[in-house]
C-alpha atoms as a PDB file:
ATOM      1  CA  MET A   1       0.000   0.000   0.000  1.00  0.00           C
ATOM      2  CA  PRO A   2       1.600   3.281  -1.075  1.00  0.00           C
ATOM      3  CA  MET A   3       0.231   5.565   1.666  1.00  0.00           C
ATOM      4  CA  PRO A   4      -0.136   4.589   5.339  1.00  0.00           C
ATOM      5  CA  SER A   5      -3.524   3.183   6.322  1.00  0.00           C
ATOM      6  CA  PHE A   6      -4.056   5.721   9.099  1.00  0.00           C
ATOM      7  CA  MET A   7      -4.017   8.520   6.490  1.00  0.00           C
ATOM      8  CA  ARG A   8      -6.796   6.781   4.565  1.00  0.00           C
ATOM      9  CA  HIS A   9      -8.955   6.723   7.707  1.00  0.00           C
ATOM     10  CA  ILE A  10      -8.252  10.378   8.497  1.00  0.00           C
ATOM     11  CA  ASN A  11      -9.215  11.382   4.972  1.00  0.00           C
ATOM     12  CA  LYS A  12     -12.326   9.203   4.960  1.00  0.00           C
ATOM     13  CA  TYR A  13     -13.750  10.724   8.129  1.00  0.00           C
ATOM     14  CA  THR A  14     -12.519  14.320   7.920  1.00  0.00           C
ATOM     15  CA  PHE A  15     -11.292  15.481   4.519  1.00  0.00           C
ATOM     16  CA  ASN A  16     -13.880  13.596   2.445  1.00  0.00           C
ATOM     17  CA  ARG A  17     -16.820  14.854   4.518  1.00  0.00           C
ATOM     18  CA  ARG A  18     -15.539  18.421   4.336  1.00  0.00           C
ATOM     19  CA  GLU A  19     -15.024  18.192   0.570  1.00  0.00           C
ATOM     20  CA  LEU A  20     -18.505  16.753   0.005  1.00  0.00           C
ATOM     21  CA  ALA A  21     -20.003  19.605   2.041  1.00  0.00           C
ATOM     22  CA  LYS A  22     -18.064  22.238   0.059  1.00  0.00           C
ATOM     23  CA  GLY A  23     -19.173  20.782  -3.278  1.00  0.00           C
ATOM     24  CA  ASP A  24     -16.073  21.927  -5.181  1.00  0.00           C
ATOM     25  CA  ARG A  25     -14.599  18.553  -6.063  1.00  0.00           C
ATOM     26  CA  PRO A  26     -15.759  15.841  -8.501  1.00  0.00           C
ATOM     27  CA  VAL A  27     -17.787  13.162  -6.686  1.00  0.00           C
ATOM     28  CA  LEU A  28     -17.898   9.487  -7.570  1.00  0.00           C
ATOM     29  CA  THR A  29     -21.178   7.796  -6.614  1.00  0.00           C
ATOM     30  CA  HIS A  30     -20.967   4.025  -6.199  1.00  0.00           C
ATOM     31  CA  VAL A  31     -22.765   1.141  -4.492  1.00  0.00           C
ATOM     32  CA  GLY A  32     -21.276  -0.911  -1.670  1.00  0.00           C
ATOM     33  CA  ARG A  33     -20.402  -4.385  -2.888  1.00  0.00           C
ATOM     34  CA  LEU A  34     -21.616  -6.029   0.335  1.00  0.00           C
ATOM     35  CA  SER A  35     -24.132  -3.586   1.822  1.00  0.00           C
ATOM     36  CA  GLY A  36     -25.763  -2.192  -1.323  1.00  0.00           C
ATOM     37  CA  THR A  37     -25.470   1.245   0.285  1.00  0.00           C
ATOM     38  CA  VAL A  38     -24.960   4.215  -2.040  1.00  0.00           C
ATOM     39  CA  TYR A  39     -21.725   6.072  -1.274  1.00  0.00           C
ATOM     40  CA  ARG A  40     -20.305   9.379  -2.484  1.00  0.00           C
ATOM     41  CA  THR A  41     -16.540   9.808  -2.619  1.00  0.00           C
ATOM     42  CA  PRO A  42     -14.711  13.002  -3.623  1.00  0.00           C
ATOM     43  CA  VAL A  43     -11.957  12.258  -6.137  1.00  0.00           C
ATOM     44  CA  GLU A  44      -9.465  13.976  -8.417  1.00  0.00           C
ATOM     45  CA  ALA A  45     -10.917  12.890 -11.752  1.00  0.00           C
ATOM     46  CA  ILE A  46      -8.517  13.407 -14.637  1.00  0.00           C
ATOM     47  CA  PRO A  47     -10.138  13.556 -18.098  1.00  0.00           C
ATOM     48  CA  VAL A  48      -8.579  11.051 -20.499  1.00  0.00           C
ATOM     49  CA  GLU A  49      -9.516   9.845 -23.972  1.00  0.00           C
ATOM     50  CA  GLY A  50     -13.016   8.350 -23.674  1.00  0.00           C
ATOM     51  CA  GLY A  51     -13.342   8.656 -19.919  1.00  0.00           C
ATOM     52  CA  TYR A  52     -11.626   9.514 -16.668  1.00  0.00           C
ATOM     53  CA  ALA A  53      -8.729   8.331 -14.550  1.00  0.00           C
ATOM     54  CA  VAL A  54      -8.131   8.570 -10.813  1.00  0.00           C
ATOM     55  CA  VAL A  55      -4.660   8.182  -9.296  1.00  0.00           C
ATOM     56  CA  LEU A  56      -4.941   5.671  -6.448  1.00  0.00           C
ATOM     57  CA  VAL A  57      -2.757   7.153  -3.726  1.00  0.00           C
ATOM     58  CA  TYR A  58      -3.736   4.400  -1.250  1.00  0.00           C
ATOM     59  CA  GLY A  59      -3.668   1.569  -3.767  1.00  0.00           C
ATOM     60  CA  ALA A  60      -6.556  -0.452  -5.193  1.00  0.00           C
ATOM     61  CA  GLU A  61      -6.534  -3.197  -2.560  1.00  0.00           C
ATOM     62  CA  ALA A  62      -6.683  -0.804   0.397  1.00  0.00           C
ATOM     63  CA  THR A  63      -9.543   1.317  -0.870  1.00  0.00           C
ATOM     64  CA  ASP A  64     -13.163   0.240  -0.434  1.00  0.00           C
ATOM     65  CA  TRP A  65     -14.542   2.637  -3.036  1.00  0.00           C
ATOM     66  CA  VAL A  66     -12.241   1.178  -5.711  1.00  0.00           C
ATOM     67  CA  LYS A  67     -13.356  -2.349  -4.819  1.00  0.00           C
ATOM     68  CA  ASN A  68     -16.998  -1.211  -4.936  1.00  0.00           C
ATOM     69  CA  VAL A  69     -16.643   0.366  -8.376  1.00  0.00           C
ATOM     70  CA  CYS A  70     -14.729  -2.597  -9.807  1.00  0.00           C
ATOM     71  CA  THR A  71     -17.249  -5.098  -8.422  1.00  0.00           C
ATOM     72  CA  ALA A  72     -20.255  -3.141  -9.752  1.00  0.00           C
ATOM     73  CA  GLY A  73     -18.567  -2.424 -13.072  1.00  0.00           C
ATOM     74  CA  ARG A  74     -19.941   1.104 -13.055  1.00  0.00           C
ATOM     75  CA  ALA A  75     -20.179   4.402 -11.176  1.00  0.00           C
ATOM     76  CA  THR A  76     -21.444   7.928 -11.672  1.00  0.00           C
ATOM     77  CA  LEU A  77     -19.070  10.883 -11.685  1.00  0.00           C
ATOM     78  CA  THR A  78     -20.534  14.315 -10.996  1.00  0.00           C
ATOM     79  CA  ILE A  79     -18.502  17.361 -11.972  1.00  0.00           C
ATOM     80  CA  ASP A  80     -19.930  20.876 -11.647  1.00  0.00           C
ATOM     81  CA  GLY A  81     -23.431  19.432 -11.253  1.00  0.00           C
ATOM     82  CA  VAL A  82     -23.233  17.297 -14.406  1.00  0.00           C
ATOM     83  CA  ALA A  83     -23.507  13.514 -13.867  1.00  0.00           C
ATOM     84  CA  ARG A  84     -21.576  11.199 -16.159  1.00  0.00           C
ATOM     85  CA  GLU A  85     -22.146   7.453 -16.209  1.00  0.00           C
ATOM     86  CA  LEU A  86     -18.896   5.504 -16.191  1.00  0.00           C
ATOM     87  CA  THR A  87     -18.258   1.847 -16.900  1.00  0.00           C
ATOM     88  CA  ASN A  88     -15.487  -0.677 -17.517  1.00  0.00           C
ATOM     89  CA  PRO A  89     -13.369   0.151 -14.442  1.00  0.00           C
ATOM     90  CA  ARG A  90      -9.883  -1.268 -14.484  1.00  0.00           C
ATOM     91  CA  VAL A  91      -6.811  -0.758 -12.372  1.00  0.00           C
ATOM     92  CA  LEU A  92      -3.715   0.050 -14.390  1.00  0.00           C
ATOM     93  CA  VAL A  93      -0.249  -0.293 -12.897  1.00  0.00           C
ATOM     94  CA  GLY A  94       3.141   1.296 -13.531  1.00  0.00           C
ATOM     95  CA  ASP A  95       3.955   2.556 -17.006  1.00  0.00           C
ATOM     96  CA  GLU A  96       0.534   1.533 -18.295  1.00  0.00           C
ATOM     97  CA  ALA A  97      -1.113   3.650 -15.568  1.00  0.00           C
ATOM     98  CA  TRP A  98       0.977   6.753 -16.171  1.00  0.00           C
ATOM     99  CA  GLY A  99       0.706   6.326 -19.935  1.00  0.00           C
ATOM    100  CA  GLU A 100      -3.073   6.852 -19.679  1.00  0.00           C
ATOM    101  CA  LEU A 101      -2.680  10.314 -18.162  1.00  0.00           C
ATOM    102  CA  PRO A 102      -2.288  13.484 -20.227  1.00  0.00           C
ATOM    103  CA  SER A 103       1.252  14.793 -20.535  1.00  0.00           C
ATOM    104  CA  GLY A 104       1.990  17.320 -17.835  1.00  0.00           C
ATOM    105  CA  THR A 105      -0.122  15.510 -15.238  1.00  0.00           C
ATOM    106  CA  GLY A 106       1.757  15.680 -11.961  1.00  0.00           C
ATOM    107  CA  ARG A 107       2.894  12.464 -10.343  1.00  0.00           C
ATOM    108  CA  PRO A 108       3.085  11.897  -6.603  1.00  0.00           C
ATOM    109  CA  PRO A 109       6.637  11.858  -5.175  1.00  0.00           C
ATOM    110  CA  ALA A 110       8.468   8.578  -5.912  1.00  0.00           C
ATOM    111  CA  LEU A 111       8.929   8.088  -2.173  1.00  0.00           C
ATOM    112  CA  LEU A 112       5.169   7.375  -1.873  1.00  0.00           C
ATOM    113  CA  ARG A 113       5.380   4.480  -4.380  1.00  0.00           C
ATOM    114  CA  VAL A 114       2.043   5.369  -5.980  1.00  0.00           C
ATOM    115  CA  ASP A 115       1.806   3.312  -9.169  1.00  0.00           C
ATOM    116  CA  GLU A 116      -1.900   2.574  -9.753  1.00  0.00           C
ATOM    117  CA  VAL A 117      -4.604   4.419 -11.652  1.00  0.00           C
ATOM    118  CA  LEU A 118      -8.304   3.538 -11.902  1.00  0.00           C
ATOM    119  CA  ARG A 119      -9.454   4.008 -15.501  1.00  0.00           C
ATOM    120  CA  LEU A 120     -13.169   4.305 -16.338  1.00  0.00           C
ATOM    121  CA  ASP A 121     -14.918   4.796 -19.663  1.00  0.00           C
ATOM    122  CA  THR A 122     -17.708   7.306 -20.234  1.00  0.00           C
ATOM    123  CA  VAL A 123     -20.982   5.671 -21.275  1.00  0.00           C
ATOM    124  CA  PRO A 124     -22.010   7.177 -24.634  1.00  0.00           C
ATOM    125  CA  GLY A 125     -25.239   9.065 -24.663  1.00  0.00           C
END
């Protein structure tokens, strides 16, 4: 796991709630794979050809929302009040992950060992 687990918990219960209340950040809406509960998670959604990518600073295996989206095979991304249906989630690793991002996209410091990106396709329509 690239970032320490305690940081994930701090963000989940403080930062994420604050960001949802502010309404400035893109929000990924997804369904819990076990509970069926609808969740909203603020993310840094990077537009890519045919969809969006999210850099996974905590890694795919340590993040419930990533597991939820991958299990469901879909999610909704809301940016500036506009909802976009996304499908075909897949975790890309290493060079494949960074190759999906537009040139000039900043990378986390190498010390953090962040090497995964969640790639989702926009549903046409």
